[in-house]
Amino acid sequence: MSPYFVGGLTMTAIAFILTLIWYANRAGRNAARVRSEAKDAATANEEAAASQRALNARTNGIRSNNELLGTLDKGEF
C-alpha cells in the first residue's frame, strides 16, 4: 500500500472520530439548554400564577382580619 493511501485513511479516521466528538458535545449542550429552558418556563408559570392570585386577592379585597387570617392559614395568598 502506498504511504499516501495509509496517511489518507488515517486522516479520514481521525476526522471521523473528531466529528463524532463534536456532534456528541453539541447534542449534550442542546439537551441541557432544553432542560434549562423547560425549568425556567415552569418557574415563570408558577410565578405568574402566584402574581395572579395576589392580584385577585387585592382586586376582590379582603373584608376582615378573620378572612385574611383564614386565607393565610390555608396558604392561598
PDB file of N, CA and C in Angstrom:
ATOM      1  N   MET A   1       0.839  -1.182   0.000  1.00  0.00           N
ATOM      2  CA  MET A   1       0.000   0.000   0.000  1.00  0.00           C
ATOM      3  C   MET A   1       0.881   1.242   0.000  1.00  0.00           C
ATOM      4  N   SER A   2       0.371   2.203  -0.597  1.00  0.00           N
ATOM      5  CA  SER A   2       1.089   3.459  -0.710  1.00  0.00           C
ATOM      6  C   SER A   2       1.022   4.215   0.618  1.00  0.00           C
ATOM      7  N   PRO A   3       2.114   4.885   1.004  1.00  0.00           N
ATOM      8  CA  PRO A   3       2.069   5.671   2.239  1.00  0.00           C
ATOM      9  C   PRO A   3       1.026   6.789   2.175  1.00  0.00           C
ATOM     10  N   TYR A   4       0.751   7.284   0.979  1.00  0.00           N
ATOM     11  CA  TYR A   4      -0.269   8.320   0.841  1.00  0.00           C
ATOM     12  C   TYR A   4      -1.662   7.766   1.132  1.00  0.00           C
ATOM     13  N   PHE A   5      -1.894   6.523   0.710  1.00  0.00           N
ATOM     14  CA  PHE A   5      -3.182   5.886   0.969  1.00  0.00           C
ATOM     15  C   PHE A   5      -3.369   5.653   2.471  1.00  0.00           C
ATOM     16  N   VAL A   6      -2.344   5.148   3.139  1.00  0.00           N
ATOM     17  CA  VAL A   6      -2.408   4.906   4.583  1.00  0.00           C
ATOM     18  C   VAL A   6      -2.570   6.229   5.322  1.00  0.00           C
ATOM     19  N   GLY A   7      -1.852   7.244   4.902  1.00  0.00           N
ATOM     20  CA  GLY A   7      -1.979   8.567   5.529  1.00  0.00           C
ATOM     21  C   GLY A   7      -3.366   9.145   5.341  1.00  0.00           C
ATOM     22  N   GLY A   8      -3.926   9.008   4.142  1.00  0.00           N
ATOM     23  CA  GLY A   8      -5.278   9.500   3.879  1.00  0.00           C
ATOM     24  C   GLY A   8      -6.314   8.745   4.695  1.00  0.00           C
ATOM     25  N   LEU A   9      -6.139   7.424   4.804  1.00  0.00           N
ATOM     26  CA  LEU A   9      -7.054   6.613   5.607  1.00  0.00           C
ATOM     27  C   LEU A   9      -6.972   7.001   7.082  1.00  0.00           C
ATOM     28  N   THR A  10      -5.772   7.243   7.558  1.00  0.00           N
ATOM     29  CA  THR A  10      -5.586   7.661   8.951  1.00  0.00           C
ATOM     30  C   THR A  10      -6.225   9.029   9.196  1.00  0.00           C
ATOM     31  N   MET A  11      -6.015   9.952   8.287  1.00  0.00           N
ATOM     32  CA  MET A  11      -6.609  11.289   8.434  1.00  0.00           C
ATOM     33  C   MET A  11      -8.133  11.220   8.388  1.00  0.00           C
ATOM     34  N   THR A  12      -8.665  10.345   7.537  1.00  0.00           N
ATOM     35  CA  THR A  12     -10.121  10.180   7.455  1.00  0.00           C
ATOM     36  C   THR A  12     -10.671   9.625   8.763  1.00  0.00           C
ATOM     37  N   ALA A  13      -9.997   8.633   9.337  1.00  0.00           N
ATOM     38  CA  ALA A  13     -10.443   8.044  10.606  1.00  0.00           C
ATOM     39  C   ALA A  13     -10.387   9.081  11.728  1.00  0.00           C
ATOM     40  N   ILE A  14      -9.328   9.867  11.779  1.00  0.00           N
ATOM     41  CA  ILE A  14      -9.207  10.899  12.816  1.00  0.00           C
ATOM     42  C   ILE A  14     -10.292  11.956  12.643  1.00  0.00           C
ATOM     43  N   ALA A  15     -10.541  12.358  11.411  1.00  0.00           N
ATOM     44  CA  ALA A  15     -11.591  13.356  11.157  1.00  0.00           C
ATOM     45  C   ALA A  15     -12.958  12.811  11.559  1.00  0.00           C
ATOM     46  N   PHE A  16     -13.211  11.545  11.287  1.00  0.00           N
ATOM     47  CA  PHE A  16     -14.485  10.922  11.666  1.00  0.00           C
ATOM     48  C   PHE A  16     -14.651  10.908  13.179  1.00  0.00           C
ATOM     49  N   ILE A  17     -13.613  10.528  13.903  1.00  0.00           N
ATOM     50  CA  ILE A  17     -13.685  10.481  15.369  1.00  0.00           C
ATOM     51  C   ILE A  17     -13.882  11.884  15.933  1.00  0.00           C
ATOM     52  N   LEU A  18     -13.159  12.861  15.417  1.00  0.00           N
ATOM     53  CA  LEU A  18     -13.319  14.232  15.906  1.00  0.00           C
ATOM     54  C   LEU A  18     -14.718  14.774  15.602  1.00  0.00           C
ATOM     55  N   THR A  19     -15.275  14.407  14.463  1.00  0.00           N
ATOM     56  CA  THR A  19     -16.626  14.829  14.123  1.00  0.00           C
ATOM     57  C   THR A  19     -17.640  14.216  15.073  1.00  0.00           C
ATOM     58  N   LEU A  20     -17.470  12.946  15.425  1.00  0.00           N
ATOM     59  CA  LEU A  20     -18.362  12.311  16.400  1.00  0.00           C
ATOM     60  C   LEU A  20     -18.289  12.995  17.762  1.00  0.00           C
ATOM     61  N   ILE A  21     -17.087  13.331  18.204  1.00  0.00           N
ATOM     62  CA  ILE A  21     -16.918  14.012  19.492  1.00  0.00           C
ATOM     63  C   ILE A  21     -17.599  15.380  19.446  1.00  0.00           C
ATOM     64  N   TRP A  22     -17.395  16.115  18.373  1.00  0.00           N
ATOM     65  CA  TRP A  22     -18.018  17.439  18.228  1.00  0.00           C
ATOM     66  C   TRP A  22     -19.540  17.328  18.240  1.00  0.00           C
ATOM     67  N   TYR A  23     -20.084  16.355  17.517  1.00  0.00           N
ATOM     68  CA  TYR A  23     -21.537  16.182  17.438  1.00  0.00           C
ATOM     69  C   TYR A  23     -22.121  15.788  18.797  1.00  0.00           C
ATOM     70  N   ALA A  24     -21.452  14.883  19.515  1.00  0.00           N
ATOM     71  CA  ALA A  24     -21.940  14.461  20.830  1.00  0.00           C
ATOM     72  C   ALA A  24     -21.915  15.628  21.818  1.00  0.00           C
ATOM     73  N   ASN A  25     -20.870  16.423  21.755  1.00  0.00           N
ATOM     74  CA  ASN A  25     -20.784  17.584  22.647  1.00  0.00           C
ATOM     75  C   ASN A  25     -21.893  18.582  22.338  1.00  0.00           C
ATOM     76  N   ARG A  26     -22.146  18.821  21.081  1.00  0.00           N
ATOM     77  CA  ARG A  26     -23.201  19.750  20.674  1.00  0.00           C
ATOM     78  C   ARG A  26     -24.578  19.236  21.095  1.00  0.00           C
ATOM     79  N   ALA A  27     -24.809  17.958  20.912  1.00  0.00           N
ATOM     80  CA  ALA A  27     -26.096  17.370  21.307  1.00  0.00           C
ATOM     81  C   ALA A  27     -26.301  17.470  22.811  1.00  0.00           C
ATOM     82  N   GLY A  28     -25.253  17.268  23.580  1.00  0.00           N
ATOM     83  CA  GLY A  28     -25.346  17.382  25.037  1.00  0.00           C
ATOM     84  C   GLY A  28     -25.665  18.797  25.479  1.00  0.00           C
ATOM     85  N   ARG A  29     -25.039  19.768  24.845  1.00  0.00           N
ATOM     86  CA  ARG A  29     -25.327  21.167  25.191  1.00  0.00           C
ATOM     87  C   ARG A  29     -26.755  21.531  24.830  1.00  0.00           C
ATOM     88  N   ASN A  30     -27.231  21.055  23.685  1.00  0.00           N
ATOM     89  CA  ASN A  30     -28.609  21.348  23.285  1.00  0.00           C
ATOM     90  C   ASN A  30     -29.602  20.720  24.254  1.00  0.00           C
ATOM     91  N   ALA A  31     -29.340  19.492  24.684  1.00  0.00           N
ATOM     92  CA  ALA A  31     -30.232  18.824  25.630  1.00  0.00           C
ATOM     93  C   ALA A  31     -30.247  19.572  26.955  1.00  0.00           C
ATOM     94  N   ALA A  32     -29.089  20.029  27.409  1.00  0.00           N
ATOM     95  CA  ALA A  32     -29.031  20.785  28.659  1.00  0.00           C
ATOM     96  C   ALA A  32     -29.780  22.104  28.530  1.00  0.00           C
ATOM     97  N   ARG A  33     -29.683  22.736  27.388  1.00  0.00           N
ATOM     98  CA  ARG A  33     -30.380  24.003  27.166  1.00  0.00           C
ATOM     99  C   ARG A  33     -31.893  23.789  27.172  1.00  0.00           C
ATOM    100  N   VAL A  34     -32.350  22.717  26.566  1.00  0.00           N
ATOM    101  CA  VAL A  34     -33.787  22.429  26.538  1.00  0.00           C
ATOM    102  C   VAL A  34     -34.306  22.176  27.950  1.00  0.00           C
ATOM    103  N   ARG A  35     -33.568  21.388  28.746  1.00  0.00           N
ATOM    104  CA  ARG A  35     -33.979  21.133  30.137  1.00  0.00           C
ATOM    105  C   ARG A  35     -34.014  22.430  30.935  1.00  0.00           C
ATOM    106  N   SER A  36     -33.003  23.267  30.767  1.00  0.00           N
ATOM    107  CA  SER A  36     -32.936  24.531  31.497  1.00  0.00           C
ATOM    108  C   SER A  36     -34.089  25.444  31.114  1.00  0.00           C
ATOM    109  N   GLU A  37     -34.390  25.531  29.827  1.00  0.00           N
ATOM    110  CA  GLU A  37     -35.484  26.399  29.390  1.00  0.00           C
ATOM    111  C   GLU A  37     -36.832  25.877  29.862  1.00  0.00           C
ATOM    112  N   ALA A  38     -37.005  24.565  29.903  1.00  0.00           N
ATOM    113  CA  ALA A  38     -38.265  23.993  30.400  1.00  0.00           C
ATOM    114  C   ALA A  38     -38.425  24.297  31.890  1.00  0.00           C
ATOM    115  N   LYS A  39     -37.329  24.199  32.638  1.00  0.00           N
ATOM    116  CA  LYS A  39     -37.386  24.507  34.066  1.00  0.00           C
ATOM    117  C   LYS A  39     -37.683  25.989  34.281  1.00  0.00           C
ATOM    118  N   ASP A  40     -37.054  26.841  33.499  1.00  0.00           N
ATOM    119  CA  ASP A  40     -37.299  28.284  33.609  1.00  0.00           C
ATOM    120  C   ASP A  40     -38.745  28.632  33.249  1.00  0.00           C
ATOM    121  N   ALA A  41     -39.286  27.964  32.248  1.00  0.00           N
ATOM    122  CA  ALA A  41     -40.675  28.217  31.858  1.00  0.00           C
ATOM    123  C   ALA A  41     -41.632  27.781  32.958  1.00  0.00           C
ATOM    124  N   ALA A  42     -41.352  26.646  33.594  1.00  0.00           N
ATOM    125  CA  ALA A  42     -42.208  26.180  34.686  1.00  0.00           C
ATOM    126  C   ALA A  42     -42.153  27.160  35.855  1.00  0.00           C
ATOM    127  N   THR A  43     -40.962  27.655  36.166  1.00  0.00           N
ATOM    128  CA  THR A  43     -40.816  28.633  37.249  1.00  0.00           C
ATOM    129  C   THR A  43     -41.570  29.915  36.918  1.00  0.00           C
ATOM    130  N   ALA A  44     -41.454  30.368  35.682  1.00  0.00           N
ATOM    131  CA  ALA A  44     -42.154  31.590  35.271  1.00  0.00           C
ATOM    132  C   ALA A  44     -43.670  31.401  35.359  1.00  0.00           C
ATOM    133  N   ASN A  45     -44.159  30.227  34.971  1.00  0.00           N
ATOM    134  CA  ASN A  45     -45.595  29.965  35.068  1.00  0.00           C
ATOM    135  C   ASN A  45     -46.069  29.967  36.515  1.00  0.00           C
ATOM    136  N   GLU A  46     -45.263  29.386  37.413  1.00  0.00           N
ATOM    137  CA  GLU A  46     -45.616  29.392  38.838  1.00  0.00           C
ATOM    138  C   GLU A  46     -45.646  30.817  39.387  1.00  0.00           C
ATOM    139  N   GLU A  47     -44.656  31.617  39.012  1.00  0.00           N
ATOM    140  CA  GLU A  47     -44.615  33.000  39.481  1.00  0.00           C
ATOM    141  C   GLU A  47     -45.782  33.807  38.931  1.00  0.00           C
ATOM    142  N   ALA A  48     -46.136  33.565  37.678  1.00  0.00           N
ATOM    143  CA  ALA A  48     -47.272  34.272  37.093  1.00  0.00           C
ATOM    144  C   ALA A  48     -48.575  33.887  37.786  1.00  0.00           C
ATOM    145  N   ALA A  49     -48.713  32.612  38.128  1.00  0.00           N
ATOM    146  CA  ALA A  49     -49.917  32.169  38.831  1.00  0.00           C
ATOM    147  C   ALA A  49     -49.988  32.791  40.222  1.00  0.00           C
ATOM    148  N   ALA A  50     -48.853  32.865  40.918  1.00  0.00           N
ATOM    149  CA  ALA A  50     -48.835  33.488  42.238  1.00  0.00           C
ATOM    150  C   ALA A  50     -49.162  34.976  42.142  1.00  0.00           C
ATOM    151  N   SER A  51     -48.625  35.636  41.131  1.00  0.00           N
ATOM    152  CA  SER A  51     -48.934  37.050  40.933  1.00  0.00           C
ATOM    153  C   SER A  51     -50.408  37.255  40.626  1.00  0.00           C
ATOM    154  N   GLN A  52     -50.967  36.366  39.834  1.00  0.00           N
ATOM    155  CA  GLN A  52     -52.393  36.465  39.501  1.00  0.00           C
ATOM    156  C   GLN A  52     -53.256  36.260  40.750  1.00  0.00           C
ATOM    157  N   ARG A  53     -52.871  35.301  41.597  1.00  0.00           N
ATOM    158  CA  ARG A  53     -53.620  35.099  42.847  1.00  0.00           C
ATOM    159  C   ARG A  53     -53.528  36.326  43.748  1.00  0.00           C
ATOM    160  N   ALA A  54     -52.336  36.925  43.821  1.00  0.00           N
ATOM    161  CA  ALA A  54     -52.177  38.125  44.637  1.00  0.00           C
ATOM    162  C   ALA A  54     -52.998  39.279  44.068  1.00  0.00           C
ATOM    163  N   LEU A  55     -53.016  39.417  42.756  1.00  0.00           N
ATOM    164  CA  LEU A  55     -53.804  40.468  42.122  1.00  0.00           C
ATOM    165  C   LEU A  55     -55.296  40.244  42.358  1.00  0.00           C
ATOM    166  N   ASN A  56     -55.737  38.999  42.252  1.00  0.00           N
ATOM    167  CA  ASN A  56     -57.146  38.700  42.515  1.00  0.00           C
ATOM    168  C   ASN A  56     -57.521  39.022  43.959  1.00  0.00           C
ATOM    169  N   ALA A  57     -56.650  38.706  44.894  1.00  0.00           N
ATOM    170  CA  ALA A  57     -56.921  38.997  46.300  1.00  0.00           C
ATOM    171  C   ALA A  57     -56.981  40.506  46.521  1.00  0.00           C
ATOM    172  N   ARG A  58     -56.071  41.222  45.883  1.00  0.00           N
ATOM    173  CA  ARG A  58     -56.058  42.668  46.025  1.00  0.00           C
ATOM    174  C   ARG A  58     -57.285  43.290  45.357  1.00  0.00           C
ATOM    175  N   THR A  59     -57.660  42.778  44.208  1.00  0.00           N
ATOM    176  CA  THR A  59     -58.791  43.324  43.454  1.00  0.00           C
ATOM    177  C   THR A  59     -60.111  43.046  44.164  1.00  0.00           C
ATOM    178  N   ASN A  60     -60.289  41.807  44.570  1.00  0.00           N
ATOM    179  CA  ASN A  60     -61.542  41.423  45.209  1.00  0.00           C
ATOM    180  C   ASN A  60     -61.619  41.940  46.640  1.00  0.00           C
ATOM    181  N   GLY A  61     -60.485  42.171  47.220  1.00  0.00           N
ATOM    182  CA  GLY A  61     -60.432  42.727  48.562  1.00  0.00           C
ATOM    183  C   GLY A  61     -60.750  41.694  49.627  1.00  0.00           C
ATOM    184  N   ILE A  62     -60.109  41.865  50.746  1.00  0.00           N
ATOM    185  CA  ILE A  62     -60.376  41.020  51.896  1.00  0.00           C
ATOM    186  C   ILE A  62     -61.116  41.897  52.888  1.00  0.00           C
ATOM    187  N   ARG A  63     -62.271  41.437  53.318  1.00  0.00           N
ATOM    188  CA  ARG A  63     -63.178  42.305  54.070  1.00  0.00           C
ATOM    189  C   ARG A  63     -62.855  42.419  55.558  1.00  0.00           C
ATOM    190  N   SER A  64     -62.227  41.399  56.119  1.00  0.00           N
ATOM    191  CA  SER A  64     -61.971  41.471  57.563  1.00  0.00           C
ATOM    192  C   SER A  64     -60.652  40.780  57.895  1.00  0.00           C
ATOM    193  N   ASN A  65     -60.199  40.986  59.103  1.00  0.00           N
ATOM    194  CA  ASN A  65     -58.967  40.337  59.555  1.00  0.00           C
ATOM    195  C   ASN A  65     -59.138  38.820  59.611  1.00  0.00           C
ATOM    196  N   ASN A  66     -60.327  38.370  59.966  1.00  0.00           N
ATOM    197  CA  ASN A  66     -60.565  36.927  60.038  1.00  0.00           C
ATOM    198  C   ASN A  66     -60.435  36.285  58.657  1.00  0.00           C
ATOM    199  N   GLU A  67     -60.945  36.964  57.632  1.00  0.00           N
ATOM    200  CA  GLU A  67     -60.800  36.435  56.283  1.00  0.00           C
ATOM    201  C   GLU A  67     -59.334  36.416  55.858  1.00  0.00           C
ATOM    202  N   LEU A  68     -58.589  37.451  56.214  1.00  0.00           N
ATOM    203  CA  LEU A  68     -57.164  37.495  55.899  1.00  0.00           C
ATOM    204  C   LEU A  68     -56.432  36.360  56.597  1.00  0.00           C
ATOM    205  N   LEU A  69     -56.686  36.177  57.875  1.00  0.00           N
ATOM    206  CA  LEU A  69     -56.007  35.106  58.605  1.00  0.00           C
ATOM    207  C   LEU A  69     -56.402  33.729  58.053  1.00  0.00           C
ATOM    208  N   GLY A  70     -57.666  33.577  57.694  1.00  0.00           N
ATOM    209  CA  GLY A  70     -58.114  32.308  57.116  1.00  0.00           C
ATOM    210  C   GLY A  70     -57.437  32.029  55.785  1.00  0.00           C
ATOM    211  N   THR A  71     -57.288  33.052  54.976  1.00  0.00           N
ATOM    212  CA  THR A  71     -56.628  32.893  53.681  1.00  0.00           C
ATOM    213  C   THR A  71     -55.165  32.552  53.863  1.00  0.00           C
ATOM    214  N   LEU A  72     -54.514  33.237  54.803  1.00  0.00           N
ATOM    215  CA  LEU A  72     -53.102  32.961  55.067  1.00  0.00           C
ATOM    216  C   LEU A  72     -52.907  31.568  55.648  1.00  0.00           C
ATOM    217  N   ASP A  73     -53.805  31.141  56.513  1.00  0.00           N
ATOM    218  CA  ASP A  73     -53.705  29.808  57.107  1.00  0.00           C
ATOM    219  C   ASP A  73     -53.841  28.719  56.044  1.00  0.00           C
ATOM    220  N   LYS A  74     -54.681  28.951  55.081  1.00  0.00           N
ATOM    221  CA  LYS A  74     -54.870  27.967  54.007  1.00  0.00           C
ATOM    222  C   LYS A  74     -53.685  27.968  53.038  1.00  0.00           C
ATOM    223  N   GLY A  75     -52.909  29.023  53.037  1.00  0.00           N
ATOM    224  CA  GLY A  75     -51.775  29.137  52.116  1.00  0.00           C
ATOM    225  C   GLY A  75     -52.197  29.525  50.718  1.00  0.00           C
ATOM    226  N   GLU A  76     -53.322  30.165  50.577  1.00  0.00           N
ATOM    227  CA  GLU A  76     -53.835  30.534  49.258  1.00  0.00           C
ATOM    228  C   GLU A  76     -53.396  31.917  48.822  1.00  0.00           C
ATOM    229  N   PHE A  77     -52.806  32.692  49.694  1.00  0.00           N
ATOM    230  CA  PHE A  77     -52.461  34.066  49.342  1.00  0.00           C
ATOM    231  C   PHE A  77     -51.067  34.129  48.812  1.00  0.00           C
TER     232      PHE A  77
END
